[in-house]
Amino acid sequence: MTNEFTGVFEREGEWFIGYCPEIAGANGQGRTIDECRESLAAAIKLILEDPVP
């Protein structure tokens, strides 16, 4: 089973910034859009793996 989430990406100078509106706190950054996408995907994975108390 795979999950699909929305990624919003913006360019800030030489960096790309990304976030996922469906998951609070899921943010990523990178020098390229691909690095930013990978960073955001890693953040989403960490948030989803964290058990809720």
N, C-alpha and C. Protein backbone atom coordinates (compact mmCIF):
# COMPACT_ATOMS: atom_id res chain seq x y z
N MET A 1 0.84 -1.18 0.00
CA MET A 1 0.00 0.00 0.00
C MET A 1 0.89 1.24 0.00
N THR A 2 0.56 2.20 -0.82
CA THR A 2 1.32 3.45 -0.85
C THR A 2 0.39 4.61 -0.52
N ASN A 3 0.97 5.62 0.07
CA ASN A 3 0.24 6.84 0.38
C ASN A 3 0.68 7.93 -0.57
N GLU A 4 -0.22 8.80 -0.94
CA GLU A 4 0.11 9.95 -1.78
C GLU A 4 -0.24 11.22 -1.02
N PHE A 5 0.68 12.15 -1.01
CA PHE A 5 0.49 13.42 -0.34
C PHE A 5 0.86 14.55 -1.29
N THR A 6 0.34 15.72 -1.00
CA THR A 6 0.64 16.90 -1.80
C THR A 6 1.95 17.52 -1.35
N GLY A 7 2.80 17.85 -2.30
CA GLY A 7 4.03 18.58 -2.00
C GLY A 7 3.97 19.95 -2.65
N VAL A 8 4.20 20.99 -1.88
CA VAL A 8 4.21 22.36 -2.39
C VAL A 8 5.66 22.83 -2.35
N PHE A 9 6.17 23.28 -3.49
CA PHE A 9 7.58 23.66 -3.59
C PHE A 9 7.70 25.10 -4.07
N GLU A 10 8.62 25.82 -3.45
CA GLU A 10 8.88 27.21 -3.80
C GLU A 10 10.38 27.42 -3.87
N ARG A 11 10.78 28.32 -4.72
CA ARG A 11 12.21 28.65 -4.82
C ARG A 11 12.48 29.90 -3.99
N GLU A 12 13.48 29.80 -3.12
CA GLU A 12 13.91 30.92 -2.28
C GLU A 12 15.39 31.17 -2.56
N GLY A 13 15.70 32.07 -3.47
CA GLY A 13 17.09 32.30 -3.84
C GLY A 13 17.66 31.07 -4.51
N GLU A 14 18.72 30.52 -3.94
CA GLU A 14 19.36 29.32 -4.49
C GLU A 14 18.81 28.03 -3.92
N TRP A 15 17.82 28.10 -3.06
CA TRP A 15 17.25 26.92 -2.40
C TRP A 15 15.82 26.68 -2.83
N PHE A 16 15.41 25.42 -2.74
CA PHE A 16 14.01 25.06 -2.89
C PHE A 16 13.49 24.68 -1.50
N ILE A 17 12.30 25.15 -1.19
CA ILE A 17 11.65 24.86 0.08
C ILE A 17 10.37 24.11 -0.24
N GLY A 18 10.09 23.04 0.50
CA GLY A 18 8.88 22.27 0.25
C GLY A 18 8.17 21.93 1.54
N TYR A 19 6.85 21.78 1.44
CA TYR A 19 6.07 21.35 2.60
C TYR A 19 4.87 20.55 2.12
N CYS A 20 4.30 19.82 3.05
CA CYS A 20 3.13 19.00 2.78
C CYS A 20 1.96 19.55 3.60
N PRO A 21 0.94 20.13 2.95
CA PRO A 21 -0.16 20.73 3.70
C PRO A 21 -0.99 19.72 4.50
N GLU A 22 -0.96 18.45 4.13
CA GLU A 22 -1.75 17.45 4.86
C GLU A 22 -1.09 16.98 6.15
N ILE A 23 0.22 17.23 6.30
CA ILE A 23 0.94 16.72 7.47
C ILE A 23 1.67 17.88 8.14
N ALA A 24 1.19 18.27 9.30
CA ALA A 24 1.80 19.38 10.03
C ALA A 24 3.26 19.08 10.36
N GLY A 25 4.13 20.02 10.08
CA GLY A 25 5.54 19.87 10.41
C GLY A 25 6.38 19.18 9.35
N ALA A 26 5.76 18.75 8.25
CA ALA A 26 6.51 18.08 7.18
C ALA A 26 7.08 19.13 6.23
N ASN A 27 8.38 19.38 6.36
CA ASN A 27 9.08 20.38 5.56
C ASN A 27 10.36 19.78 5.02
N GLY A 28 10.80 20.30 3.87
CA GLY A 28 12.06 19.86 3.28
C GLY A 28 12.74 21.02 2.58
N GLN A 29 14.01 20.84 2.28
CA GLN A 29 14.74 21.86 1.54
C GLN A 29 15.86 21.20 0.75
N GLY A 30 16.34 21.88 -0.27
CA GLY A 30 17.43 21.36 -1.07
C GLY A 30 17.88 22.37 -2.11
N ARG A 31 19.07 22.18 -2.63
CA ARG A 31 19.60 23.07 -3.68
C ARG A 31 18.92 22.82 -5.02
N THR A 32 18.38 21.60 -5.20
CA THR A 32 17.64 21.28 -6.42
C THR A 32 16.24 20.83 -6.01
N ILE A 33 15.33 20.83 -6.98
CA ILE A 33 13.97 20.38 -6.69
C ILE A 33 13.97 18.91 -6.29
N ASP A 34 14.85 18.11 -6.89
CA ASP A 34 14.93 16.69 -6.53
C ASP A 34 15.43 16.50 -5.10
N GLU A 35 16.44 17.27 -4.68
CA GLU A 35 16.92 17.19 -3.30
C GLU A 35 15.81 17.60 -2.34
N CYS A 36 15.07 18.63 -2.69
CA CYS A 36 13.98 19.10 -1.84
C CYS A 36 12.89 18.04 -1.72
N ARG A 37 12.55 17.41 -2.83
CA ARG A 37 11.53 16.36 -2.84
C ARG A 37 11.96 15.19 -1.96
N GLU A 38 13.23 14.79 -2.06
CA GLU A 38 13.74 13.69 -1.23
C GLU A 38 13.73 14.07 0.24
N SER A 39 14.10 15.31 0.54
CA SER A 39 14.11 15.78 1.93
C SER A 39 12.70 15.80 2.50
N LEU A 40 11.74 16.26 1.71
CA LEU A 40 10.34 16.28 2.16
C LEU A 40 9.82 14.86 2.35
N ALA A 41 10.13 13.97 1.43
CA ALA A 41 9.68 12.57 1.57
C ALA A 41 10.24 11.94 2.83
N ALA A 42 11.50 12.23 3.16
CA ALA A 42 12.11 11.70 4.38
C ALA A 42 11.42 12.26 5.62
N ALA A 43 11.07 13.55 5.58
CA ALA A 43 10.37 14.16 6.73
C ALA A 43 9.00 13.53 6.92
N ILE A 44 8.28 13.31 5.83
CA ILE A 44 6.96 12.69 5.92
C ILE A 44 7.09 11.28 6.49
N LYS A 45 8.07 10.53 6.01
CA LYS A 45 8.26 9.16 6.50
C LYS A 45 8.53 9.15 8.01
N LEU A 46 9.40 10.05 8.49
CA LEU A 46 9.70 10.11 9.92
C LEU A 46 8.47 10.46 10.74
N ILE A 47 7.67 11.39 10.26
CA ILE A 47 6.47 11.79 11.00
C ILE A 47 5.48 10.62 11.07
N LEU A 48 5.30 9.91 9.96
CA LEU A 48 4.35 8.81 9.94
C LEU A 48 4.81 7.61 10.75
N GLU A 49 6.12 7.45 10.90
CA GLU A 49 6.64 6.33 11.70
C GLU A 49 6.59 6.59 13.20
N ASP A 50 6.47 7.85 13.60
CA ASP A 50 6.47 8.22 15.02
C ASP A 50 5.15 7.79 15.65
N PRO A 51 5.21 6.91 16.65
CA PRO A 51 3.96 6.47 17.30
C PRO A 51 3.31 7.61 18.08
N VAL A 52 2.01 7.66 17.98
CA VAL A 52 1.23 8.67 18.71
C VAL A 52 0.94 8.13 20.11
N PRO A 53 1.25 8.92 21.16
CA PRO A 53 1.00 8.42 22.52
C PRO A 53 -0.47 8.30 22.84
